[in-house]
Amino acid sequence: MNSATTVPFKGTPEQEAQLLKVIAEKKDTQGALMPILQKAQEIYGYLPIEVQKIISDQTGIPMEKIYGVVTFYAQFSLFPKGEYTISVCLGTACYVKGSGDIYDKLQEKLGIAGGQCTPDGKFSLEACRCIGACGLAPVLTVNEDVYGRLTVDDVEKILAKYSA
């Protein structure tokens, strides 16, 4: 698996202007980093190194501190979301029935690790703990579509549905 597999950063001047405005409004406030990062992720959809650098340059907060916060909190993502977000339940009921193998197969087929997006921007992959469909275990979702009682053999058919 290539850990460097990412979609190239495509920030716009409008997004940067929005971010700079947010930073200007908040940077002199105690504890401003979290709200700035939250707003930045809202603007861009994720927090790539380019966005972290803008925040660092404008606030004077060291890059290593920003990166540490971004990677510590689950609400932040270093990778963009794909057109189709695949979320595999790894909660107890699903895991016992094989969702870990399904997750591994998706990583293999998509060529990405969990939390990443395919280079074409089509798919992103994530794990979740429970989606409340334990009776259908193992379960995954593709955006709002729910798939249950899955086996590893179902992975290719599901991906094909969204690849057309």
N, C-alpha and C. Protein backbone atom coordinates (compact mmCIF):
# COMPACT_ATOMS: atom_id res chain seq x y z
N MET A 1 0.84 -1.18 0.00
CA MET A 1 0.00 0.00 0.00
C MET A 1 0.89 1.24 0.00
N ASN A 2 0.62 2.17 -0.85
CA ASN A 2 1.41 3.40 -0.94
C ASN A 2 0.83 4.43 0.00
N SER A 3 1.55 4.75 1.08
CA SER A 3 1.03 5.70 2.06
C SER A 3 1.02 7.12 1.50
N ALA A 4 1.67 7.36 0.37
CA ALA A 4 1.68 8.69 -0.21
C ALA A 4 0.55 8.88 -1.22
N THR A 5 -0.31 7.88 -1.38
CA THR A 5 -1.40 7.98 -2.32
C THR A 5 -2.40 9.03 -1.85
N THR A 6 -2.44 10.15 -2.56
CA THR A 6 -3.39 11.20 -2.23
C THR A 6 -3.86 11.87 -3.50
N VAL A 7 -4.94 12.60 -3.38
CA VAL A 7 -5.41 13.43 -4.46
C VAL A 7 -4.62 14.74 -4.37
N PRO A 8 -4.11 15.25 -5.50
CA PRO A 8 -3.35 16.50 -5.44
C PRO A 8 -4.20 17.63 -4.85
N PHE A 9 -3.56 18.50 -4.08
CA PHE A 9 -4.27 19.63 -3.47
C PHE A 9 -4.78 20.58 -4.54
N LYS A 10 -6.04 20.93 -4.44
CA LYS A 10 -6.66 21.81 -5.43
C LYS A 10 -7.39 22.96 -4.76
N GLY A 11 -6.73 23.59 -3.80
CA GLY A 11 -7.33 24.73 -3.13
C GLY A 11 -7.51 25.90 -4.09
N THR A 12 -8.57 26.66 -3.90
CA THR A 12 -8.84 27.81 -4.76
C THR A 12 -8.47 29.10 -4.04
N PRO A 13 -8.27 30.18 -4.79
CA PRO A 13 -8.02 31.48 -4.15
C PRO A 13 -9.19 31.90 -3.24
N GLU A 14 -10.40 31.54 -3.61
CA GLU A 14 -11.57 31.86 -2.79
C GLU A 14 -11.50 31.15 -1.44
N GLN A 15 -11.11 29.87 -1.47
CA GLN A 15 -10.98 29.12 -0.22
C GLN A 15 -9.89 29.73 0.66
N GLU A 16 -8.77 30.09 0.04
CA GLU A 16 -7.68 30.68 0.82
C GLU A 16 -8.12 32.01 1.44
N ALA A 17 -8.86 32.81 0.68
CA ALA A 17 -9.36 34.09 1.20
C ALA A 17 -10.28 33.86 2.40
N GLN A 18 -11.15 32.84 2.30
CA GLN A 18 -12.03 32.50 3.42
C GLN A 18 -11.22 32.11 4.65
N LEU A 19 -10.20 31.26 4.43
CA LEU A 19 -9.36 30.81 5.53
C LEU A 19 -8.61 31.98 6.17
N LEU A 20 -8.04 32.84 5.36
CA LEU A 20 -7.30 33.99 5.89
C LEU A 20 -8.22 34.90 6.72
N LYS A 21 -9.46 35.04 6.30
CA LYS A 21 -10.42 35.85 7.05
C LYS A 21 -10.69 35.22 8.41
N VAL A 22 -10.91 33.90 8.43
CA VAL A 22 -11.15 33.18 9.68
C VAL A 22 -9.96 33.33 10.62
N ILE A 23 -8.76 33.14 10.08
CA ILE A 23 -7.55 33.25 10.90
C ILE A 23 -7.43 34.66 11.48
N ALA A 24 -7.66 35.67 10.65
CA ALA A 24 -7.56 37.06 11.11
C ALA A 24 -8.54 37.34 12.25
N GLU A 25 -9.74 36.75 12.15
CA GLU A 25 -10.76 36.96 13.18
C GLU A 25 -10.44 36.25 14.49
N LYS A 26 -9.77 35.10 14.41
CA LYS A 26 -9.62 34.25 15.59
C LYS A 26 -8.22 34.16 16.17
N LYS A 27 -7.19 34.55 15.42
CA LYS A 27 -5.82 34.22 15.83
C LYS A 27 -5.38 34.83 17.16
N ASP A 28 -5.96 35.92 17.57
CA ASP A 28 -5.53 36.54 18.82
C ASP A 28 -6.36 36.08 20.01
N THR A 29 -7.24 35.10 19.79
CA THR A 29 -8.08 34.55 20.84
C THR A 29 -7.39 33.35 21.48
N GLN A 30 -7.48 33.25 22.81
CA GLN A 30 -6.92 32.09 23.51
C GLN A 30 -7.58 30.81 22.98
N GLY A 31 -6.80 29.80 22.67
CA GLY A 31 -7.34 28.52 22.20
C GLY A 31 -7.89 28.57 20.79
N ALA A 32 -7.36 29.46 19.96
CA ALA A 32 -7.89 29.67 18.60
C ALA A 32 -7.62 28.53 17.63
N LEU A 33 -6.61 27.69 17.91
CA LEU A 33 -6.22 26.68 16.93
C LEU A 33 -7.36 25.74 16.57
N MET A 34 -8.06 25.20 17.57
CA MET A 34 -9.14 24.25 17.26
C MET A 34 -10.23 24.88 16.39
N PRO A 35 -10.76 26.04 16.74
CA PRO A 35 -11.78 26.63 15.87
C PRO A 35 -11.27 26.96 14.47
N ILE A 36 -10.00 27.37 14.37
CA ILE A 36 -9.42 27.65 13.05
C ILE A 36 -9.34 26.36 12.24
N LEU A 37 -8.86 25.29 12.85
CA LEU A 37 -8.76 24.00 12.14
C LEU A 37 -10.15 23.49 11.74
N GLN A 38 -11.12 23.63 12.62
CA GLN A 38 -12.48 23.18 12.30
C GLN A 38 -13.03 23.95 11.10
N LYS A 39 -12.84 25.25 11.11
CA LYS A 39 -13.34 26.07 10.01
C LYS A 39 -12.56 25.76 8.72
N ALA A 40 -11.25 25.55 8.84
CA ALA A 40 -10.44 25.22 7.67
C ALA A 40 -10.92 23.91 7.05
N GLN A 41 -11.22 22.93 7.88
CA GLN A 41 -11.71 21.66 7.34
C GLN A 41 -13.08 21.85 6.69
N GLU A 42 -13.89 22.72 7.26
CA GLU A 42 -15.19 23.02 6.66
C GLU A 42 -15.00 23.65 5.27
N ILE A 43 -14.03 24.52 5.15
CA ILE A 43 -13.75 25.21 3.89
C ILE A 43 -13.20 24.25 2.83
N TYR A 44 -12.20 23.45 3.21
CA TYR A 44 -11.50 22.60 2.25
C TYR A 44 -11.99 21.15 2.21
N GLY A 45 -12.65 20.70 3.27
CA GLY A 45 -13.10 19.31 3.34
C GLY A 45 -12.09 18.40 4.02
N TYR A 46 -10.89 18.90 4.21
CA TYR A 46 -9.82 18.15 4.87
C TYR A 46 -8.69 19.13 5.18
N LEU A 47 -7.62 18.66 5.82
CA LEU A 47 -6.54 19.56 6.24
C LEU A 47 -5.19 19.09 5.69
N PRO A 48 -4.97 19.31 4.40
CA PRO A 48 -3.68 18.92 3.82
C PRO A 48 -2.56 19.80 4.35
N ILE A 49 -1.34 19.41 4.10
CA ILE A 49 -0.17 20.12 4.60
C ILE A 49 -0.17 21.58 4.12
N GLU A 50 -0.67 21.82 2.91
CA GLU A 50 -0.71 23.18 2.38
C GLU A 50 -1.58 24.10 3.24
N VAL A 51 -2.70 23.58 3.73
CA VAL A 51 -3.60 24.36 4.58
C VAL A 51 -2.97 24.54 5.96
N GLN A 52 -2.35 23.50 6.48
CA GLN A 52 -1.67 23.61 7.77
C GLN A 52 -0.57 24.66 7.72
N LYS A 53 0.13 24.75 6.59
CA LYS A 53 1.21 25.72 6.42
C LYS A 53 0.65 27.15 6.45
N ILE A 54 -0.47 27.38 5.79
CA ILE A 54 -1.09 28.71 5.81
C ILE A 54 -1.43 29.08 7.25
N ILE A 55 -2.02 28.14 7.98
CA ILE A 55 -2.39 28.39 9.37
C ILE A 55 -1.15 28.69 10.21
N SER A 56 -0.11 27.92 10.02
CA SER A 56 1.14 28.13 10.76
C SER A 56 1.73 29.50 10.45
N ASP A 57 1.82 29.82 9.16
CA ASP A 57 2.41 31.10 8.75
C ASP A 57 1.62 32.29 9.31
N GLN A 58 0.32 32.17 9.33
CA GLN A 58 -0.53 33.29 9.74
C GLN A 58 -0.67 33.43 11.26
N THR A 59 -0.54 32.32 11.98
CA THR A 59 -0.73 32.37 13.43
C THR A 59 0.58 32.34 14.21
N GLY A 60 1.65 31.87 13.57
CA GLY A 60 2.91 31.71 14.27
C GLY A 60 2.98 30.42 15.08
N ILE A 61 1.95 29.59 14.95
CA ILE A 61 1.94 28.28 15.65
C ILE A 61 2.82 27.33 14.84
N PRO A 62 3.78 26.66 15.48
CA PRO A 62 4.67 25.75 14.74
C PRO A 62 3.90 24.63 14.03
N MET A 63 4.40 24.26 12.85
CA MET A 63 3.78 23.20 12.05
C MET A 63 3.64 21.90 12.85
N GLU A 64 4.64 21.55 13.66
CA GLU A 64 4.56 20.28 14.39
C GLU A 64 3.42 20.28 15.40
N LYS A 65 3.11 21.44 15.96
CA LYS A 65 1.98 21.52 16.89
C LYS A 65 0.66 21.36 16.13
N ILE A 66 0.54 22.04 15.00
CA ILE A 66 -0.68 21.94 14.19
C ILE A 66 -0.88 20.51 13.73
N TYR A 67 0.18 19.90 13.20
CA TYR A 67 0.10 18.51 12.73
C TYR A 67 -0.28 17.58 13.88
N GLY A 68 0.28 17.82 15.05
CA GLY A 68 -0.03 17.00 16.22
C GLY A 68 -1.50 17.06 16.58
N VAL A 69 -2.08 18.24 16.52
CA VAL A 69 -3.50 18.40 16.83
C VAL A 69 -4.35 17.73 15.75
N VAL A 70 -4.00 17.96 14.49
CA VAL A 70 -4.76 17.39 13.37
C VAL A 70 -4.76 15.86 13.42
N THR A 71 -3.63 15.27 13.77
CA THR A 71 -3.55 13.80 13.78
C THR A 71 -4.07 13.20 15.08
N PHE A 72 -4.19 14.00 16.13
CA PHE A 72 -4.69 13.49 17.41
C PHE A 72 -6.21 13.35 17.41
N TYR A 73 -6.91 14.33 16.88
CA TYR A 73 -8.37 14.34 16.93
C TYR A 73 -8.98 13.67 15.71
N ALA A 74 -9.89 12.73 15.97
CA ALA A 74 -10.53 11.96 14.90
C ALA A 74 -11.40 12.82 13.99
N GLN A 75 -11.82 13.98 14.44
CA GLN A 75 -12.68 14.83 13.62
C GLN A 75 -11.95 15.42 12.42
N PHE A 76 -10.62 15.42 12.47
CA PHE A 76 -9.84 16.01 11.39
C PHE A 76 -9.33 14.94 10.44
N SER A 77 -9.21 15.30 9.17
CA SER A 77 -8.71 14.37 8.17
C SER A 77 -7.58 15.02 7.37
N LEU A 78 -6.54 14.25 7.13
CA LEU A 78 -5.43 14.70 6.28
C LEU A 78 -5.71 14.44 4.81
N PHE A 79 -6.77 13.70 4.54
CA PHE A 79 -7.07 13.28 3.18
C PHE A 79 -8.47 13.73 2.77
N PRO A 80 -8.64 14.05 1.50
CA PRO A 80 -9.97 14.46 1.03
C PRO A 80 -10.93 13.27 1.02
N LYS A 81 -12.20 13.57 0.98
CA LYS A 81 -13.21 12.52 0.85
C LYS A 81 -13.47 12.32 -0.64
N GLY A 82 -13.70 11.08 -1.02
CA GLY A 82 -13.99 10.76 -2.41
C GLY A 82 -15.45 11.06 -2.74
N GLU A 83 -15.75 10.93 -4.01
CA GLU A 83 -17.14 11.06 -4.46
C GLU A 83 -18.01 10.05 -3.71
N TYR A 84 -17.44 8.86 -3.49
CA TYR A 84 -18.13 7.82 -2.74
C TYR A 84 -17.32 7.48 -1.50
N THR A 85 -17.90 7.70 -0.34
CA THR A 85 -17.24 7.36 0.92
C THR A 85 -17.73 5.99 1.37
N ILE A 86 -16.80 5.06 1.45
CA ILE A 86 -17.12 3.70 1.91
C ILE A 86 -16.75 3.63 3.38
N SER A 87 -17.72 3.27 4.20
CA SER A 87 -17.51 3.16 5.64
C SER A 87 -17.83 1.73 6.06
N VAL A 88 -16.84 1.05 6.58
CA VAL A 88 -17.00 -0.35 7.00
C VAL A 88 -17.14 -0.41 8.51
N CYS A 89 -18.20 -1.04 8.98
CA CYS A 89 -18.42 -1.17 10.41
C CYS A 89 -17.45 -2.21 10.97
N LEU A 90 -16.66 -1.79 11.96
CA LEU A 90 -15.76 -2.72 12.64
C LEU A 90 -16.18 -2.91 14.10
N GLY A 91 -17.46 -2.63 14.37
CA GLY A 91 -18.01 -2.89 15.69
C GLY A 91 -18.01 -4.39 15.96
N THR A 92 -18.27 -4.77 17.18
CA THR A 92 -18.15 -6.17 17.60
C THR A 92 -18.94 -7.14 16.73
N ALA A 93 -20.24 -6.89 16.54
CA ALA A 93 -21.07 -7.83 15.77
C ALA A 93 -20.55 -7.98 14.34
N CYS A 94 -20.21 -6.87 13.72
CA CYS A 94 -19.72 -6.92 12.34
C CYS A 94 -18.33 -7.57 12.26
N TYR A 95 -17.47 -7.20 13.21
CA TYR A 95 -16.11 -7.73 13.18
C TYR A 95 -16.09 -9.25 13.36
N VAL A 96 -16.91 -9.73 14.28
CA VAL A 96 -16.98 -11.17 14.54
C VAL A 96 -17.46 -11.92 13.28
N LYS A 97 -18.26 -11.25 12.48
CA LYS A 97 -18.79 -11.88 11.26
C LYS A 97 -17.97 -11.57 10.01
N GLY A 98 -16.78 -10.98 10.18
CA GLY A 98 -15.85 -10.87 9.05
C GLY A 98 -15.65 -9.49 8.44
N SER A 99 -16.07 -8.43 9.10
CA SER A 99 -15.91 -7.10 8.50
C SER A 99 -14.44 -6.70 8.37
N GLY A 100 -13.58 -7.21 9.24
CA GLY A 100 -12.15 -6.90 9.13
C GLY A 100 -11.58 -7.40 7.81
N ASP A 101 -12.00 -8.58 7.39
CA ASP A 101 -11.54 -9.13 6.10
C ASP A 101 -12.09 -8.31 4.94
N ILE A 102 -13.33 -7.84 5.07
CA ILE A 102 -13.94 -7.00 4.03
C ILE A 102 -13.17 -5.68 3.93
N TYR A 103 -12.85 -5.10 5.06
CA TYR A 103 -12.07 -3.85 5.11
C TYR A 103 -10.70 -4.05 4.44
N ASP A 104 -10.04 -5.15 4.77
CA ASP A 104 -8.74 -5.46 4.17
C ASP A 104 -8.85 -5.60 2.65
N LYS A 105 -9.91 -6.27 2.19
CA LYS A 105 -10.12 -6.48 0.76
C LYS A 105 -10.35 -5.14 0.06
N LEU A 106 -11.11 -4.25 0.68
CA LEU A 106 -11.35 -2.93 0.10
C LEU A 106 -10.03 -2.15 -0.01
N GLN A 107 -9.20 -2.22 1.02
CA GLN A 107 -7.90 -1.53 0.96
C GLN A 107 -7.07 -2.07 -0.21
N GLU A 108 -7.10 -3.38 -0.36
CA GLU A 108 -6.35 -4.03 -1.44
C GLU A 108 -6.89 -3.60 -2.81
N LYS A 109 -8.20 -3.68 -3.00
CA LYS A 109 -8.81 -3.38 -4.29
C LYS A 109 -8.68 -1.90 -4.66
N LEU A 110 -8.82 -1.03 -3.66
CA LEU A 110 -8.75 0.41 -3.93
C LEU A 110 -7.32 0.93 -3.95
N GLY A 111 -6.39 0.17 -3.36
CA GLY A 111 -4.99 0.58 -3.32
C GLY A 111 -4.74 1.72 -2.34
N ILE A 112 -5.58 1.83 -1.32
CA ILE A 112 -5.43 2.89 -0.33
C ILE A 112 -5.60 2.30 1.07
N ALA A 113 -5.14 3.05 2.04
CA ALA A 113 -5.34 2.67 3.44
C ALA A 113 -6.59 3.38 3.95
N GLY A 114 -7.07 2.92 5.09
CA GLY A 114 -8.21 3.58 5.70
C GLY A 114 -7.92 5.05 5.94
N GLY A 115 -8.90 5.90 5.71
CA GLY A 115 -8.74 7.33 5.87
C GLY A 115 -8.26 8.04 4.61
N GLN A 116 -7.89 7.27 3.60
CA GLN A 116 -7.37 7.86 2.37
C GLN A 116 -8.42 7.89 1.26
N CYS A 117 -8.05 8.56 0.19
CA CYS A 117 -8.89 8.71 -0.99
C CYS A 117 -8.12 8.20 -2.20
N THR A 118 -8.82 7.55 -3.14
CA THR A 118 -8.15 7.08 -4.34
C THR A 118 -7.65 8.28 -5.15
N PRO A 119 -6.56 8.12 -5.89
CA PRO A 119 -5.98 9.25 -6.64
C PRO A 119 -6.97 9.92 -7.60
N ASP A 120 -7.95 9.17 -8.09
CA ASP A 120 -8.93 9.76 -9.01
C ASP A 120 -10.06 10.49 -8.29
N GLY A 121 -10.04 10.45 -6.94
CA GLY A 121 -11.06 11.15 -6.17
C GLY A 121 -12.40 10.44 -6.11
N LYS A 122 -12.43 9.21 -6.60
CA LYS A 122 -13.70 8.47 -6.69
C LYS A 122 -14.13 7.88 -5.34
N PHE A 123 -13.20 7.21 -4.64
CA PHE A 123 -13.54 6.53 -3.40
C PHE A 123 -12.66 6.97 -2.23
N SER A 124 -13.26 7.08 -1.07
CA SER A 124 -12.50 7.19 0.17
C SER A 124 -12.97 6.06 1.07
N LEU A 125 -12.09 5.63 1.95
CA LEU A 125 -12.38 4.47 2.79
C LEU A 125 -12.16 4.82 4.24
N GLU A 126 -13.12 4.43 5.08
CA GLU A 126 -12.98 4.64 6.51
C GLU A 126 -13.62 3.50 7.27
N ALA A 127 -13.21 3.36 8.51
CA ALA A 127 -13.80 2.38 9.41
C ALA A 127 -14.68 3.13 10.40
N CYS A 128 -15.74 2.49 10.85
CA CYS A 128 -16.56 3.08 11.90
C CYS A 128 -16.82 2.00 12.94
N ARG A 129 -17.32 2.38 14.08
CA ARG A 129 -17.52 1.43 15.18
C ARG A 129 -18.89 0.78 15.20
N CYS A 130 -19.94 1.48 14.81
CA CYS A 130 -21.26 0.86 14.76
C CYS A 130 -22.20 1.77 13.99
N ILE A 131 -22.98 1.20 13.09
CA ILE A 131 -23.97 2.01 12.37
C ILE A 131 -25.38 1.63 12.77
N GLY A 132 -25.50 0.75 13.76
CA GLY A 132 -26.81 0.40 14.28
C GLY A 132 -27.57 -0.61 13.44
N ALA A 133 -26.86 -1.39 12.65
CA ALA A 133 -27.51 -2.42 11.82
C ALA A 133 -26.90 -3.78 12.15
N CYS A 134 -26.74 -4.05 13.43
CA CYS A 134 -26.06 -5.27 13.87
C CYS A 134 -26.72 -6.55 13.36
N GLY A 135 -28.02 -6.51 13.16
CA GLY A 135 -28.74 -7.68 12.65
C GLY A 135 -28.37 -8.01 11.22
N LEU A 136 -27.73 -7.06 10.51
CA LEU A 136 -27.32 -7.27 9.12
C LEU A 136 -25.82 -7.53 9.01
N ALA A 137 -25.15 -7.70 10.12
CA ALA A 137 -23.69 -7.83 10.15
C ALA A 137 -23.18 -8.92 9.21
N PRO A 138 -22.03 -8.65 8.59
CA PRO A 138 -21.26 -7.42 8.57
C PRO A 138 -21.85 -6.40 7.58
N VAL A 139 -21.66 -5.12 7.91
CA VAL A 139 -22.29 -4.03 7.17
C VAL A 139 -21.26 -3.00 6.72
N LEU A 140 -21.52 -2.42 5.55
CA LEU A 140 -20.78 -1.25 5.10
C LEU A 140 -21.76 -0.30 4.45
N THR A 141 -21.35 0.97 4.38
CA THR A 141 -22.16 1.95 3.66
C THR A 141 -21.30 2.57 2.56
N VAL A 142 -21.97 2.95 1.49
CA VAL A 142 -21.37 3.75 0.43
C VAL A 142 -22.25 4.98 0.36
N ASN A 143 -21.72 6.10 0.85
CA ASN A 143 -22.52 7.30 1.07
C ASN A 143 -23.73 6.92 1.90
N GLU A 144 -24.93 6.99 1.37
CA GLU A 144 -26.13 6.67 2.15
C GLU A 144 -26.64 5.24 1.91
N ASP A 145 -26.03 4.51 0.98
CA ASP A 145 -26.47 3.15 0.67
C ASP A 145 -25.89 2.17 1.69
N VAL A 146 -26.74 1.30 2.24
CA VAL A 146 -26.32 0.32 3.24
C VAL A 146 -26.29 -1.07 2.62
N TYR A 147 -25.19 -1.79 2.87
CA TYR A 147 -25.03 -3.17 2.39
C TYR A 147 -24.79 -4.06 3.59
N GLY A 148 -25.59 -5.12 3.72
CA GLY A 148 -25.46 -6.01 4.86
C GLY A 148 -25.32 -7.46 4.47
N ARG A 149 -25.02 -8.28 5.50
CA ARG A 149 -24.78 -9.72 5.33
C ARG A 149 -23.76 -9.98 4.23
N LEU A 150 -22.66 -9.26 4.33
CA LEU A 150 -21.63 -9.29 3.29
C LEU A 150 -20.60 -10.38 3.49
N THR A 151 -19.96 -10.71 2.39
CA THR A 151 -18.77 -11.57 2.41
C THR A 151 -17.70 -10.83 1.61
N VAL A 152 -16.48 -11.28 1.71
CA VAL A 152 -15.38 -10.69 0.95
C VAL A 152 -15.69 -10.73 -0.54
N ASP A 153 -16.39 -11.76 -0.99
CA ASP A 153 -16.73 -11.89 -2.41
C ASP A 153 -17.66 -10.79 -2.91
N ASP A 154 -18.35 -10.10 -2.03
CA ASP A 154 -19.27 -9.03 -2.43
C ASP A 154 -18.55 -7.72 -2.76
N VAL A 155 -17.32 -7.58 -2.33
CA VAL A 155 -16.59 -6.31 -2.47
C VAL A 155 -16.51 -5.85 -3.93
N GLU A 156 -16.09 -6.73 -4.82
CA GLU A 156 -15.92 -6.33 -6.23
C GLU A 156 -17.24 -5.91 -6.86
N LYS A 157 -18.34 -6.60 -6.54
CA LYS A 157 -19.65 -6.25 -7.09
C LYS A 157 -20.10 -4.87 -6.61
N ILE A 158 -19.85 -4.59 -5.35
CA ILE A 158 -20.22 -3.28 -4.79
C ILE A 158 -19.40 -2.18 -5.44
N LEU A 159 -18.10 -2.37 -5.55
CA LEU A 159 -17.25 -1.36 -6.19
C LEU A 159 -17.65 -1.13 -7.65
N ALA A 160 -17.98 -2.21 -8.35
CA ALA A 160 -18.36 -2.11 -9.77
C ALA A 160 -19.60 -1.24 -9.95
N LYS A 161 -20.51 -1.31 -9.00
CA LYS A 161 -21.74 -0.52 -9.08
C LYS A 161 -21.44 0.98 -9.12
N TYR A 162 -20.39 1.41 -8.44
CA TYR A 162 -20.05 2.82 -8.34
C TYR A 162 -18.93 3.23 -9.31
N SER A 163 -18.37 2.28 -10.00
CA SER A 163 -17.26 2.57 -10.91
C SER A 163 -17.71 2.86 -12.32
N ALA A 164 -18.96 2.55 -12.63
CA ALA A 164 -19.47 2.70 -14.00
C ALA A 164 -19.55 4.15 -14.42
